[in-house]
Amino acid sequence: MNPIQTIRGRLRVTQAALAKELGVTQGNISHYEQGQEVPPAVAKLLIKFAASLGETITYTDIYGEPICTAEHRHSPGHAGRPPPTTNAAFDTVSLPAPVGIEVGAKP
């Protein structure tokens, strides 16, 4: 079950009633329940509406757990690999001089 559908069930309201409280259409609620992302302003109104009914709803209830957890933020490097300590690949590659310019020539 989709988070918005679950929340609506907890609040015991129809799509039409929830839409009216959030200032959106019943079609919007249907789309949110089918997986369309809920805009932050609508999420904020949903949290306030739930509170007015004595229910506690959080952004995590609406959007799910964040993808980037604290454990991942502190992982070294990209994709778990440590970052390079130098630009060794660039430091050891000699580049050819541009065509028509002698190496060491002054302009």
C-alpha atoms as a PDB file:
ATOM      1  CA  MET A   1       0.000   0.000   0.000  1.00  0.00           C
ATOM      2  CA  ASN A   2       1.257   3.487  -0.888  1.00  0.00           C
ATOM      3  CA  PRO A   3       2.216   5.799   2.016  1.00  0.00           C
ATOM      4  CA  ILE A   4      -0.452   8.383   1.132  1.00  0.00           C
ATOM      5  CA  GLN A   5      -3.110   5.681   0.941  1.00  0.00           C
ATOM      6  CA  THR A   6      -1.935   4.337   4.316  1.00  0.00           C
ATOM      7  CA  ILE A   7      -2.054   7.825   5.854  1.00  0.00           C
ATOM      8  CA  ARG A   8      -5.500   8.450   4.398  1.00  0.00           C
ATOM      9  CA  GLY A   9      -6.648   5.187   5.956  1.00  0.00           C
ATOM     10  CA  ARG A  10      -5.250   6.241   9.340  1.00  0.00           C
ATOM     11  CA  LEU A  11      -7.127   9.519   9.038  1.00  0.00           C
ATOM     12  CA  ARG A  12     -10.308   7.712   7.941  1.00  0.00           C
ATOM     13  CA  VAL A  13     -11.098  10.152   5.136  1.00  0.00           C
ATOM     14  CA  THR A  14     -11.989   9.767   1.478  1.00  0.00           C
ATOM     15  CA  GLN A  15      -9.810  11.010  -1.357  1.00  0.00           C
ATOM     16  CA  ALA A  16     -12.315  13.825  -1.928  1.00  0.00           C
ATOM     17  CA  ALA A  17     -12.302  14.880   1.727  1.00  0.00           C
ATOM     18  CA  LEU A  18      -8.496  14.814   1.924  1.00  0.00           C
ATOM     19  CA  ALA A  19      -8.248  16.765  -1.327  1.00  0.00           C
ATOM     20  CA  LYS A  20     -10.555  19.465   0.045  1.00  0.00           C
ATOM     21  CA  GLU A  21      -8.475  19.818   3.220  1.00  0.00           C
ATOM     22  CA  LEU A  22      -5.210  20.021   1.265  1.00  0.00           C
ATOM     23  CA  GLY A  23      -6.495  22.376  -1.421  1.00  0.00           C
ATOM     24  CA  VAL A  24      -5.886  19.928  -4.267  1.00  0.00           C
ATOM     25  CA  THR A  25      -8.153  17.848  -6.465  1.00  0.00           C
ATOM     26  CA  GLN A  26      -9.320  14.312  -5.799  1.00  0.00           C
ATOM     27  CA  GLY A  27      -7.344  13.407  -8.933  1.00  0.00           C
ATOM     28  CA  ASN A  28      -4.173  14.747  -7.292  1.00  0.00           C
ATOM     29  CA  ILE A  29      -4.751  12.500  -4.280  1.00  0.00           C
ATOM     30  CA  SER A  30      -5.258   9.557  -6.629  1.00  0.00           C
ATOM     31  CA  HIS A  31      -1.975  10.351  -8.381  1.00  0.00           C
ATOM     32  CA  TYR A  32      -0.128  10.643  -5.045  1.00  0.00           C
ATOM     33  CA  GLU A  33      -1.513   7.237  -4.080  1.00  0.00           C
ATOM     34  CA  GLN A  34      -0.258   5.823  -7.382  1.00  0.00           C
ATOM     35  CA  GLY A  35       3.275   7.043  -6.699  1.00  0.00           C
ATOM     36  CA  GLN A  36       3.477  10.636  -7.928  1.00  0.00           C
ATOM     37  CA  GLU A  37       5.659  12.623  -5.525  1.00  0.00           C
ATOM     38  CA  VAL A  38       3.791  14.775  -3.057  1.00  0.00           C
ATOM     39  CA  PRO A  39       4.938  18.419  -3.262  1.00  0.00           C
ATOM     40  CA  PRO A  40       6.527  19.662  -0.010  1.00  0.00           C
ATOM     41  CA  ALA A  41       3.813  22.304   0.484  1.00  0.00           C
ATOM     42  CA  VAL A  42       1.114  19.610   0.258  1.00  0.00           C
ATOM     43  CA  ALA A  43       3.082  17.353   2.629  1.00  0.00           C
ATOM     44  CA  LYS A  44       3.227  20.191   5.162  1.00  0.00           C
ATOM     45  CA  LEU A  45      -0.551  20.689   4.915  1.00  0.00           C
ATOM     46  CA  LEU A  46      -1.098  16.948   5.300  1.00  0.00           C
ATOM     47  CA  ILE A  47       0.962  16.923   8.497  1.00  0.00           C
ATOM     48  CA  LYS A  48      -1.043  19.858   9.890  1.00  0.00           C
ATOM     49  CA  PHE A  49      -4.371  18.290   8.891  1.00  0.00           C
ATOM     50  CA  ALA A  50      -3.404  14.998  10.536  1.00  0.00           C
ATOM     51  CA  ALA A  51      -2.435  16.865  13.715  1.00  0.00           C
ATOM     52  CA  SER A  52      -5.844  18.551  13.765  1.00  0.00           C
ATOM     53  CA  LEU A  53      -7.346  15.045  13.868  1.00  0.00           C
ATOM     54  CA  GLY A  54      -4.991  13.929  16.641  1.00  0.00           C
ATOM     55  CA  GLU A  55      -2.702  11.891  14.371  1.00  0.00           C
ATOM     56  CA  THR A  56       1.047  12.365  14.142  1.00  0.00           C
ATOM     57  CA  ILE A  57       2.342  12.201  10.577  1.00  0.00           C
ATOM     58  CA  THR A  58       5.967  12.910   9.650  1.00  0.00           C
ATOM     59  CA  TYR A  59       7.787  13.622   6.409  1.00  0.00           C
ATOM     60  CA  THR A  60       9.236  10.113   6.710  1.00  0.00           C
ATOM     61  CA  ASP A  61       5.679   8.726   6.765  1.00  0.00           C
ATOM     62  CA  ILE A  62       4.969  10.597   3.534  1.00  0.00           C
ATOM     63  CA  TYR A  63       8.249  10.171   1.648  1.00  0.00           C
ATOM     64  CA  GLY A  64       9.778   7.069   3.248  1.00  0.00           C
ATOM     65  CA  GLU A  65      13.229   6.654   4.701  1.00  0.00           C
ATOM     66  CA  PRO A  66      15.948   8.883   3.224  1.00  0.00           C
ATOM     67  CA  ILE A  67      18.201   7.112   0.733  1.00  0.00           C
ATOM     68  CA  CYS A  68      21.329   8.752   2.126  1.00  0.00           C
ATOM     69  CA  THR A  69      21.617   7.617   5.729  1.00  0.00           C
ATOM     70  CA  ALA A  70      24.216   8.846   8.193  1.00  0.00           C
ATOM     71  CA  GLU A  71      26.198   5.647   7.591  1.00  0.00           C
ATOM     72  CA  HIS A  72      26.463   6.402   3.872  1.00  0.00           C
ATOM     73  CA  ARG A  73      27.351  10.083   4.363  1.00  0.00           C
ATOM     74  CA  HIS A  74      30.468   9.080   6.275  1.00  0.00           C
ATOM     75  CA  SER A  75      31.641   6.445   3.796  1.00  0.00           C
ATOM     76  CA  PRO A  76      35.018   7.313   2.303  1.00  0.00           C
ATOM     77  CA  GLY A  77      35.179   8.095  -1.367  1.00  0.00           C
ATOM     78  CA  HIS A  78      32.815   7.391  -4.189  1.00  0.00           C
ATOM     79  CA  ALA A  79      30.865   4.121  -4.080  1.00  0.00           C
ATOM     80  CA  GLY A  80      32.765   3.027  -0.976  1.00  0.00           C
ATOM     81  CA  ARG A  81      36.206   3.515  -2.542  1.00  0.00           C
ATOM     82  CA  PRO A  82      38.634   5.871  -0.817  1.00  0.00           C
ATOM     83  CA  PRO A  83      39.366   9.080  -2.719  1.00  0.00           C
ATOM     84  CA  PRO A  84      42.754   9.344  -4.462  1.00  0.00           C
ATOM     85  CA  THR A  85      45.429  11.064  -2.407  1.00  0.00           C
ATOM     86  CA  THR A  86      47.093  12.704  -5.432  1.00  0.00           C
ATOM     87  CA  ASN A  87      46.481  13.286  -9.086  1.00  0.00           C
ATOM     88  CA  ALA A  88      49.173  10.736  -9.860  1.00  0.00           C
ATOM     89  CA  ALA A  89      47.568   9.769 -13.163  1.00  0.00           C
ATOM     90  CA  PHE A  90      47.833  13.354 -14.364  1.00  0.00           C
ATOM     91  CA  ASP A  91      51.217  14.029 -12.793  1.00  0.00           C
ATOM     92  CA  THR A  92      52.929  11.242 -14.760  1.00  0.00           C
ATOM     93  CA  VAL A  93      51.391  11.835 -18.186  1.00  0.00           C
ATOM     94  CA  SER A  94      53.386  14.078 -20.495  1.00  0.00           C
ATOM     95  CA  LEU A  95      51.298  16.011 -22.947  1.00  0.00           C
ATOM     96  CA  PRO A  96      52.508  16.763 -26.469  1.00  0.00           C
ATOM     97  CA  ALA A  97      53.182  20.385 -27.309  1.00  0.00           C
ATOM     98  CA  PRO A  98      50.495  22.104 -29.374  1.00  0.00           C
ATOM     99  CA  VAL A  99      51.122  21.996 -33.141  1.00  0.00           C
ATOM    100  CA  GLY A 100      53.268  24.860 -34.414  1.00  0.00           C
ATOM    101  CA  ILE A 101      54.743  25.750 -31.016  1.00  0.00           C
ATOM    102  CA  GLU A 102      58.162  24.582 -29.966  1.00  0.00           C
ATOM    103  CA  VAL A 103      58.596  23.434 -26.407  1.00  0.00           C
ATOM    104  CA  GLY A 104      60.429  26.103 -24.447  1.00  0.00           C
ATOM    105  CA  ALA A 105      59.925  28.793 -27.105  1.00  0.00           C
ATOM    106  CA  LYS A 106      58.967  32.234 -25.909  1.00  0.00           C
ATOM    107  CA  PRO A 107      55.915  33.900 -27.504  1.00  0.00           C
END
